[in-house]
Amino acid sequence: MRIDISFLPAYAATFMLVFARIGAMVMLLPALGEVNIPVRIKLAIALLLTMILLPLHRAAYQIDLQTMMPLGVQMVQEIFIGIVLGATARVTLSALQVAGSVIAQQLGLGFVTAVDPTQGQQGLLIGNFLTLLGVTLLFATDSHYLVIAALNQSYTIFSPGEIMPSGDVADLAVRAFSGAFKIGIQLAAPFLVFGLVFNIGLGILARLMPQMQVYFVGVPLSIMAGFLILAAVIVVMMGVFLEYFSGVMQELTPVR
């Protein structure tokens, strides 16, 4: 009885190419790719996804083991594709940081910072809160499956071995950054209106009552009113964000 194992080198090379794309994406994904997540956990998730997706896309790879140059080029392409997909998901989540920064400035809390556990660096308190809430809701609503679906469908958009469509990648990056900033400003729109009206009111009050210490009255009142508005609109805000995140991920999963 003879067992043919001649396919193993090509199979191993295919496994490494798939792992390169998935590993690069997991490294940048929100929640899963954070600096405080143990490397072994990230590696386990990447390996698990690789074992799941490998049978589905093994035939898409044309492996030539005669020379290492084509394999190396293909490896670089796979890593780049994974970085593009992971960065798109992370930039999408950054819309909440944009909204939190604007809200904090309008409430007079722009100087209140804390360590952002998702980034491992200082961030505005309200932005950190919205980011953690957004990540929690993504898992609670099973929206993280859309990221896996986008990874699976990326083999339709970015076929292995083909020349990288640099124009499409640039367009995706521009739309991701502009969309994140746009949705962040839209989420903070009620607070922009509140800040404008409130500050105009304080200015009129200061002209009418020059002896009154408007700053010491306005700051606590602004914070209290701002938190009441946040409590009233946060459900709508997070619903809009979830729709936006789902829309971005669905753009990466074209219908065949």
C-alpha atoms as a PDB file:
ATOM      1  CA  MET A   1       0.000   0.000   0.000  1.00  0.00           C
ATOM      2  CA  ARG A   2       1.423   3.351  -1.047  1.00  0.00           C
ATOM      3  CA  ILE A   3       0.241   6.759   0.164  1.00  0.00           C
ATOM      4  CA  ASP A   4       0.770   9.643  -2.228  1.00  0.00           C
ATOM      5  CA  ILE A   5       1.900  12.727  -0.316  1.00  0.00           C
ATOM      6  CA  SER A   6       3.200  14.677  -3.273  1.00  0.00           C
ATOM      7  CA  PHE A   7       0.366  17.191  -2.840  1.00  0.00           C
ATOM      8  CA  LEU A   8       1.511  18.241   0.644  1.00  0.00           C
ATOM      9  CA  PRO A   9       4.035  20.960  -0.366  1.00  0.00           C
ATOM     10  CA  ALA A  10       1.507  22.703  -2.609  1.00  0.00           C
ATOM     11  CA  TYR A  11      -1.205  22.290   0.039  1.00  0.00           C
ATOM     12  CA  ALA A  12       1.072  23.768   2.709  1.00  0.00           C
ATOM     13  CA  ALA A  13       1.919  26.722   0.461  1.00  0.00           C
ATOM     14  CA  THR A  14      -1.789  27.330  -0.165  1.00  0.00           C
ATOM     15  CA  PHE A  15      -2.448  27.171   3.561  1.00  0.00           C
ATOM     16  CA  MET A  16       0.227  29.795   4.215  1.00  0.00           C
ATOM     17  CA  LEU A  17      -1.185  32.107   1.531  1.00  0.00           C
ATOM     18  CA  VAL A  18      -4.698  31.887   2.968  1.00  0.00           C
ATOM     19  CA  PHE A  19      -3.306  32.370   6.465  1.00  0.00           C
ATOM     20  CA  ALA A  20      -1.386  35.463   5.304  1.00  0.00           C
ATOM     21  CA  ARG A  21      -4.603  37.167   4.178  1.00  0.00           C
ATOM     22  CA  ILE A  22      -6.623  36.140   7.215  1.00  0.00           C
ATOM     23  CA  GLY A  23      -3.841  36.775   9.731  1.00  0.00           C
ATOM     24  CA  ALA A  24      -3.217  40.294   8.423  1.00  0.00           C
ATOM     25  CA  MET A  25      -6.925  41.047   8.654  1.00  0.00           C
ATOM     26  CA  VAL A  26      -7.310  39.649  12.182  1.00  0.00           C
ATOM     27  CA  MET A  27      -4.313  41.722  13.277  1.00  0.00           C
ATOM     28  CA  LEU A  28      -6.232  44.926  12.445  1.00  0.00           C
ATOM     29  CA  LEU A  29      -9.802  43.944  13.261  1.00  0.00           C
ATOM     30  CA  PRO A  30     -11.611  45.917  15.979  1.00  0.00           C
ATOM     31  CA  ALA A  31     -11.880  44.036  19.298  1.00  0.00           C
ATOM     32  CA  LEU A  32      -9.946  40.985  18.025  1.00  0.00           C
ATOM     33  CA  GLY A  33      -6.790  42.785  16.899  1.00  0.00           C
ATOM     34  CA  GLU A  34      -6.264  45.077  19.868  1.00  0.00           C
ATOM     35  CA  VAL A  35      -2.905  45.363  21.588  1.00  0.00           C
ATOM     36  CA  ASN A  36      -4.288  43.976  24.858  1.00  0.00           C
ATOM     37  CA  ILE A  37      -5.481  40.754  23.197  1.00  0.00           C
ATOM     38  CA  PRO A  38      -2.916  37.948  23.711  1.00  0.00           C
ATOM     39  CA  VAL A  39      -1.029  37.021  20.569  1.00  0.00           C
ATOM     40  CA  ARG A  40      -1.959  33.361  21.042  1.00  0.00           C
ATOM     41  CA  ILE A  41      -5.655  34.265  20.922  1.00  0.00           C
ATOM     42  CA  LYS A  42      -5.168  36.208  17.677  1.00  0.00           C
ATOM     43  CA  LEU A  43      -3.157  33.334  16.222  1.00  0.00           C
ATOM     44  CA  ALA A  44      -5.804  30.793  17.238  1.00  0.00           C
ATOM     45  CA  ILE A  45      -8.575  32.848  15.625  1.00  0.00           C
ATOM     46  CA  ALA A  46      -6.571  33.282  12.420  1.00  0.00           C
ATOM     47  CA  LEU A  47      -5.734  29.573  12.236  1.00  0.00           C
ATOM     48  CA  LEU A  48      -9.358  28.594  12.864  1.00  0.00           C
ATOM     49  CA  LEU A  49     -10.640  30.898  10.121  1.00  0.00           C
ATOM     50  CA  THR A  50      -7.927  29.625   7.786  1.00  0.00           C
ATOM     51  CA  MET A  51      -8.969  25.997   8.311  1.00  0.00           C
ATOM     52  CA  ILE A  52     -12.596  26.974   7.637  1.00  0.00           C
ATOM     53  CA  LEU A  53     -11.962  29.010   4.474  1.00  0.00           C
ATOM     54  CA  LEU A  54      -9.141  26.938   2.969  1.00  0.00           C
ATOM     55  CA  PRO A  55     -11.368  24.191   1.493  1.00  0.00           C
ATOM     56  CA  LEU A  56     -13.602  26.849  -0.092  1.00  0.00           C
ATOM     57  CA  HIS A  57     -10.854  28.716  -1.927  1.00  0.00           C
ATOM     58  CA  ARG A  58      -8.052  26.216  -2.370  1.00  0.00           C
ATOM     59  CA  ALA A  59      -8.773  25.857  -6.090  1.00  0.00           C
ATOM     60  CA  ALA A  60      -8.332  29.616  -6.609  1.00  0.00           C
ATOM     61  CA  TYR A  61      -4.596  29.397  -5.928  1.00  0.00           C
ATOM     62  CA  GLN A  62      -2.186  28.349  -8.636  1.00  0.00           C
ATOM     63  CA  ILE A  63       0.954  27.225  -6.817  1.00  0.00           C
ATOM     64  CA  ASP A  64       4.266  26.946  -8.634  1.00  0.00           C
ATOM     65  CA  LEU A  65       6.978  25.535  -6.386  1.00  0.00           C
ATOM     66  CA  GLN A  66       9.649  25.533  -9.083  1.00  0.00           C
ATOM     67  CA  THR A  67      10.716  29.088  -8.139  1.00  0.00           C
ATOM     68  CA  MET A  68      10.127  31.041  -4.945  1.00  0.00           C
ATOM     69  CA  MET A  69       9.739  34.469  -6.547  1.00  0.00           C
ATOM     70  CA  PRO A  70       6.086  34.075  -7.690  1.00  0.00           C
ATOM     71  CA  LEU A  71       5.185  32.566  -4.325  1.00  0.00           C
ATOM     72  CA  GLY A  72       6.818  35.476  -2.482  1.00  0.00           C
ATOM     73  CA  VAL A  73       5.004  38.034  -4.626  1.00  0.00           C
ATOM     74  CA  GLN A  74       1.717  36.259  -4.028  1.00  0.00           C
ATOM     75  CA  MET A  75       2.397  36.212  -0.286  1.00  0.00           C
ATOM     76  CA  VAL A  76       2.935  39.988  -0.267  1.00  0.00           C
ATOM     77  CA  GLN A  77      -0.298  40.473  -2.208  1.00  0.00           C
ATOM     78  CA  GLU A  78      -2.255  38.355   0.262  1.00  0.00           C
ATOM     79  CA  ILE A  79      -0.871  40.278   3.236  1.00  0.00           C
ATOM     80  CA  PHE A  80      -1.741  43.576   1.564  1.00  0.00           C
ATOM     81  CA  ILE A  81      -5.302  42.436   0.875  1.00  0.00           C
ATOM     82  CA  GLY A  82      -5.710  41.382   4.507  1.00  0.00           C
ATOM     83  CA  ILE A  83      -4.424  44.765   5.679  1.00  0.00           C
ATOM     84  CA  VAL A  84      -6.894  46.560   3.398  1.00  0.00           C
ATOM     85  CA  LEU A  85      -9.838  44.549   4.736  1.00  0.00           C
ATOM     86  CA  GLY A  86      -8.825  44.884   8.386  1.00  0.00           C
ATOM     87  CA  ALA A  87      -8.086  48.596   8.069  1.00  0.00           C
ATOM     88  CA  THR A  88     -11.488  49.163   6.451  1.00  0.00           C
ATOM     89  CA  ALA A  89     -13.253  47.584   9.438  1.00  0.00           C
ATOM     90  CA  ARG A  90     -11.125  49.576  11.906  1.00  0.00           C
ATOM     91  CA  VAL A  91     -11.648  52.886  10.090  1.00  0.00           C
ATOM     92  CA  THR A  92     -15.387  52.173  10.107  1.00  0.00           C
ATOM     93  CA  LEU A  93     -15.326  51.831  13.895  1.00  0.00           C
ATOM     94  CA  SER A  94     -13.347  55.072  14.219  1.00  0.00           C
ATOM     95  CA  ALA A  95     -16.550  56.952  13.333  1.00  0.00           C
ATOM     96  CA  LEU A  96     -17.513  56.556  16.984  1.00  0.00           C
ATOM     97  CA  GLN A  97     -14.250  58.187  18.080  1.00  0.00           C
ATOM     98  CA  VAL A  98     -14.962  61.117  15.759  1.00  0.00           C
ATOM     99  CA  ALA A  99     -18.468  61.451  17.194  1.00  0.00           C
ATOM    100  CA  GLY A 100     -17.147  61.175  20.752  1.00  0.00           C
ATOM    101  CA  SER A 101     -14.529  63.875  20.147  1.00  0.00           C
ATOM    102  CA  VAL A 102     -17.107  66.304  18.766  1.00  0.00           C
ATOM    103  CA  ILE A 103     -19.543  65.564  21.595  1.00  0.00           C
ATOM    104  CA  ALA A 104     -16.845  66.017  24.225  1.00  0.00           C
ATOM    105  CA  GLN A 105     -15.860  69.392  22.786  1.00  0.00           C
ATOM    106  CA  GLN A 106     -19.456  70.590  22.778  1.00  0.00           C
ATOM    107  CA  LEU A 107     -20.015  69.521  26.390  1.00  0.00           C
ATOM    108  CA  GLY A 108     -16.809  71.060  27.639  1.00  0.00           C
ATOM    109  CA  LEU A 109     -15.195  67.678  28.305  1.00  0.00           C
ATOM    110  CA  GLY A 110     -12.496  67.919  25.663  1.00  0.00           C
ATOM    111  CA  PHE A 111      -9.820  67.822  28.360  1.00  0.00           C
ATOM    112  CA  VAL A 112     -11.143  64.654  30.048  1.00  0.00           C
ATOM    113  CA  THR A 113      -9.106  61.712  28.737  1.00  0.00           C
ATOM    114  CA  ALA A 114      -8.631  58.105  29.735  1.00  0.00           C
ATOM    115  CA  VAL A 115      -6.815  55.080  28.357  1.00  0.00           C
ATOM    116  CA  ASP A 116      -8.727  53.599  25.436  1.00  0.00           C
ATOM    117  CA  PRO A 117      -8.616  49.810  25.987  1.00  0.00           C
ATOM    118  CA  THR A 118      -9.191  49.172  22.280  1.00  0.00           C
ATOM    119  CA  GLN A 119      -6.204  51.286  21.225  1.00  0.00           C
ATOM    120  CA  GLY A 120      -3.915  51.158  24.260  1.00  0.00           C
ATOM    121  CA  GLN A 121      -3.508  54.942  24.236  1.00  0.00           C
ATOM    122  CA  GLN A 122      -5.136  58.072  25.597  1.00  0.00           C
ATOM    123  CA  GLY A 123      -8.516  59.012  24.190  1.00  0.00           C
ATOM    124  CA  LEU A 124     -11.437  61.253  25.069  1.00  0.00           C
ATOM    125  CA  LEU A 125     -13.702  59.686  27.659  1.00  0.00           C
ATOM    126  CA  ILE A 126     -16.925  59.907  25.650  1.00  0.00           C
ATOM    127  CA  GLY A 127     -15.189  58.578  22.539  1.00  0.00           C
ATOM    128  CA  ASN A 128     -13.883  55.592  24.519  1.00  0.00           C
ATOM    129  CA  PHE A 129     -17.366  54.925  25.868  1.00  0.00           C
ATOM    130  CA  LEU A 130     -18.987  55.034  22.430  1.00  0.00           C
ATOM    131  CA  THR A 131     -16.268  52.807  20.959  1.00  0.00           C
ATOM    132  CA  LEU A 132     -16.672  50.149  23.659  1.00  0.00           C
ATOM    133  CA  LEU A 133     -20.444  50.335  23.310  1.00  0.00           C
ATOM    134  CA  GLY A 134     -20.163  49.983  19.541  1.00  0.00           C
ATOM    135  CA  VAL A 135     -17.900  46.917  19.785  1.00  0.00           C
ATOM    136  CA  THR A 136     -20.278  45.349  22.322  1.00  0.00           C
ATOM    137  CA  LEU A 137     -23.271  45.918  20.061  1.00  0.00           C
ATOM    138  CA  LEU A 138     -21.433  44.493  17.043  1.00  0.00           C
ATOM    139  CA  PHE A 139     -21.000  41.200  18.878  1.00  0.00           C
ATOM    140  CA  ALA A 140     -24.436  41.338  20.518  1.00  0.00           C
ATOM    141  CA  THR A 141     -26.171  41.771  17.146  1.00  0.00           C
ATOM    142  CA  ASP A 142     -23.930  39.201  15.391  1.00  0.00           C
ATOM    143  CA  SER A 143     -22.664  41.912  13.045  1.00  0.00           C
ATOM    144  CA  HIS A 144     -19.157  40.493  13.383  1.00  0.00           C
ATOM    145  CA  TYR A 145     -20.259  37.683  11.066  1.00  0.00           C
ATOM    146  CA  LEU A 146     -20.433  40.296   8.316  1.00  0.00           C
ATOM    147  CA  VAL A 147     -16.666  40.736   8.696  1.00  0.00           C
ATOM    148  CA  ILE A 148     -16.138  37.004   8.160  1.00  0.00           C
ATOM    149  CA  ALA A 149     -18.501  37.124   5.169  1.00  0.00           C
ATOM    150  CA  ALA A 150     -16.515  40.048   3.739  1.00  0.00           C
ATOM    151  CA  LEU A 151     -13.319  38.045   4.203  1.00  0.00           C
ATOM    152  CA  ASN A 152     -14.864  35.094   2.396  1.00  0.00           C
ATOM    153  CA  GLN A 153     -16.151  37.234  -0.469  1.00  0.00           C
ATOM    154  CA  SER A 154     -12.830  39.064  -0.751  1.00  0.00           C
ATOM    155  CA  TYR A 155     -11.706  36.171  -2.953  1.00  0.00           C
ATOM    156  CA  THR A 156     -14.279  37.405  -5.477  1.00  0.00           C
ATOM    157  CA  ILE A 157     -13.068  41.001  -5.381  1.00  0.00           C
ATOM    158  CA  PHE A 158      -9.347  40.267  -4.990  1.00  0.00           C
ATOM    159  CA  SER A 159      -8.713  36.984  -6.759  1.00  0.00           C
ATOM    160  CA  PRO A 160      -5.445  35.252  -5.789  1.00  0.00           C
ATOM    161  CA  GLY A 161      -2.616  35.732  -8.258  1.00  0.00           C
ATOM    162  CA  GLU A 162      -4.199  38.621 -10.141  1.00  0.00           C
ATOM    163  CA  ILE A 163      -2.682  42.094 -10.363  1.00  0.00           C
ATOM    164  CA  MET A 164      -3.823  44.276  -7.482  1.00  0.00           C
ATOM    165  CA  PRO A 165      -6.472  46.797  -8.638  1.00  0.00           C
ATOM    166  CA  SER A 166      -4.766  49.826  -7.093  1.00  0.00           C
ATOM    167  CA  GLY A 167      -7.542  52.138  -8.262  1.00  0.00           C
ATOM    168  CA  ASP A 168     -10.202  50.088  -6.471  1.00  0.00           C
ATOM    169  CA  VAL A 169      -8.092  49.924  -3.307  1.00  0.00           C
ATOM    170  CA  ALA A 170      -7.557  53.688  -3.335  1.00  0.00           C
ATOM    171  CA  ASP A 171     -11.258  54.284  -3.906  1.00  0.00           C
ATOM    172  CA  LEU A 172     -12.114  51.936  -1.034  1.00  0.00           C
ATOM    173  CA  ALA A 173      -9.714  53.761   1.302  1.00  0.00           C
ATOM    174  CA  VAL A 174     -11.063  57.201   0.357  1.00  0.00           C
ATOM    175  CA  ARG A 175     -14.678  56.097   0.807  1.00  0.00           C
ATOM    176  CA  ALA A 176     -13.879  54.440   4.133  1.00  0.00           C
ATOM    177  CA  PHE A 177     -12.175  57.517   5.606  1.00  0.00           C
ATOM    178  CA  SER A 178     -14.690  60.011   4.239  1.00  0.00           C
ATOM    179  CA  GLY A 179     -17.618  57.820   5.279  1.00  0.00           C
ATOM    180  CA  ALA A 180     -16.290  57.415   8.830  1.00  0.00           C
ATOM    181  CA  PHE A 181     -15.833  61.174   9.232  1.00  0.00           C
ATOM    182  CA  LYS A 182     -19.243  61.878   7.709  1.00  0.00           C
ATOM    183  CA  ILE A 183     -21.134  59.423   9.922  1.00  0.00           C
ATOM    184  CA  GLY A 184     -19.193  60.643  12.978  1.00  0.00           C
ATOM    185  CA  ILE A 185     -20.336  64.232  12.360  1.00  0.00           C
ATOM    186  CA  GLN A 186     -23.888  63.039  11.707  1.00  0.00           C
ATOM    187  CA  LEU A 187     -23.963  61.121  14.989  1.00  0.00           C
ATOM    188  CA  ALA A 188     -22.799  64.241  16.828  1.00  0.00           C
ATOM    189  CA  ALA A 189     -25.222  66.577  14.991  1.00  0.00           C
ATOM    190  CA  PRO A 190     -27.644  66.992  17.943  1.00  0.00           C
ATOM    191  CA  PHE A 191     -24.752  68.095  20.130  1.00  0.00           C
ATOM    192  CA  LEU A 192     -23.495  70.546  17.512  1.00  0.00           C
ATOM    193  CA  VAL A 193     -26.933  72.171  17.499  1.00  0.00           C
ATOM    194  CA  PHE A 194     -27.044  72.118  21.294  1.00  0.00           C
ATOM    195  CA  GLY A 195     -23.569  73.646  21.581  1.00  0.00           C
ATOM    196  CA  LEU A 196     -24.437  76.434  19.127  1.00  0.00           C
ATOM    197  CA  VAL A 197     -27.726  77.340  20.839  1.00  0.00           C
ATOM    198  CA  PHE A 198     -26.278  77.004  24.342  1.00  0.00           C
ATOM    199  CA  ASN A 199     -23.239  79.184  23.649  1.00  0.00           C
ATOM    200  CA  ILE A 200     -25.358  81.836  21.948  1.00  0.00           C
ATOM    201  CA  GLY A 201     -27.599  81.819  24.995  1.00  0.00           C
ATOM    202  CA  LEU A 202     -24.591  82.205  27.304  1.00  0.00           C
ATOM    203  CA  GLY A 203     -23.335  85.097  25.199  1.00  0.00           C
ATOM    204  CA  ILE A 204     -26.673  86.896  25.443  1.00  0.00           C
ATOM    205  CA  LEU A 205     -26.802  86.207  29.188  1.00  0.00           C
ATOM    206  CA  ALA A 206     -23.303  87.624  29.620  1.00  0.00           C
ATOM    207  CA  ARG A 207     -24.356  90.841  27.834  1.00  0.00           C
ATOM    208  CA  LEU A 208     -27.504  91.152  29.894  1.00  0.00           C
ATOM    209  CA  MET A 209     -25.824  90.366  33.232  1.00  0.00           C
ATOM    210  CA  PRO A 210     -22.138  91.380  33.039  1.00  0.00           C
ATOM    211  CA  GLN A 211     -21.640  90.827  36.758  1.00  0.00           C
ATOM    212  CA  MET A 212     -22.624  87.167  36.496  1.00  0.00           C
ATOM    213  CA  GLN A 213     -19.856  84.541  36.247  1.00  0.00           C
ATOM    214  CA  VAL A 214     -21.226  82.897  33.116  1.00  0.00           C
ATOM    215  CA  TYR A 215     -18.385  80.369  32.822  1.00  0.00           C
ATOM    216  CA  PHE A 216     -18.928  78.866  36.265  1.00  0.00           C
ATOM    217  CA  VAL A 217     -22.642  78.563  35.591  1.00  0.00           C
ATOM    218  CA  GLY A 218     -22.420  77.464  31.981  1.00  0.00           C
ATOM    219  CA  VAL A 219     -19.941  74.599  32.236  1.00  0.00           C
ATOM    220  CA  PRO A 220     -21.861  72.458  34.798  1.00  0.00           C
ATOM    221  CA  LEU A 221     -25.131  73.241  33.046  1.00  0.00           C
ATOM    222  CA  SER A 222     -23.642  72.308  29.675  1.00  0.00           C
ATOM    223  CA  ILE A 223     -22.369  68.967  31.005  1.00  0.00           C
ATOM    224  CA  MET A 224     -25.670  68.118  32.684  1.00  0.00           C
ATOM    225  CA  ALA A 225     -27.789  69.054  29.666  1.00  0.00           C
ATOM    226  CA  GLY A 226     -25.373  67.261  27.339  1.00  0.00           C
ATOM    227  CA  PHE A 227     -25.596  64.001  29.262  1.00  0.00           C
ATOM    228  CA  LEU A 228     -29.397  64.235  29.244  1.00  0.00           C
ATOM    229  CA  ILE A 229     -29.331  64.649  25.463  1.00  0.00           C
ATOM    230  CA  LEU A 230     -26.870  61.749  25.170  1.00  0.00           C
ATOM    231  CA  ALA A 231     -29.188  59.511  27.202  1.00  0.00           C
ATOM    232  CA  ALA A 232     -32.102  60.500  24.956  1.00  0.00           C
ATOM    233  CA  VAL A 233     -30.414  59.933  21.582  1.00  0.00           C
ATOM    234  CA  ILE A 234     -27.845  57.194  22.244  1.00  0.00           C
ATOM    235  CA  VAL A 235     -30.197  54.428  21.095  1.00  0.00           C
ATOM    236  CA  VAL A 236     -30.750  56.157  17.763  1.00  0.00           C
ATOM    237  CA  MET A 237     -27.037  56.950  17.457  1.00  0.00           C
ATOM    238  CA  MET A 238     -25.954  53.347  17.882  1.00  0.00           C
ATOM    239  CA  GLY A 239     -28.698  52.140  15.539  1.00  0.00           C
ATOM    240  CA  VAL A 240     -27.418  54.482  12.826  1.00  0.00           C
ATOM    241  CA  PHE A 241     -23.864  53.289  13.435  1.00  0.00           C
ATOM    242  CA  LEU A 242     -24.841  49.613  13.165  1.00  0.00           C
ATOM    243  CA  GLU A 243     -26.617  50.306   9.859  1.00  0.00           C
ATOM    244  CA  TYR A 244     -23.540  52.136   8.606  1.00  0.00           C
ATOM    245  CA  PHE A 245     -21.203  49.310   9.645  1.00  0.00           C
ATOM    246  CA  SER A 246     -23.454  46.721   8.007  1.00  0.00           C
ATOM    247  CA  GLY A 247     -23.574  48.786   4.820  1.00  0.00           C
ATOM    248  CA  VAL A 248     -19.781  49.038   4.610  1.00  0.00           C
ATOM    249  CA  MET A 249     -19.345  45.311   5.161  1.00  0.00           C
ATOM    250  CA  GLN A 250     -22.034  44.484   2.596  1.00  0.00           C
ATOM    251  CA  GLU A 251     -20.164  46.561   0.031  1.00  0.00           C
ATOM    252  CA  LEU A 252     -17.311  44.087   0.450  1.00  0.00           C
ATOM    253  CA  THR A 253     -19.641  41.128  -0.122  1.00  0.00           C
ATOM    254  CA  PRO A 254     -20.903  41.493  -3.697  1.00  0.00           C
ATOM    255  CA  VAL A 255     -23.723  39.266  -4.860  1.00  0.00           C
ATOM    256  CA  ARG A 256     -22.453  36.616  -7.217  1.00  0.00           C
END
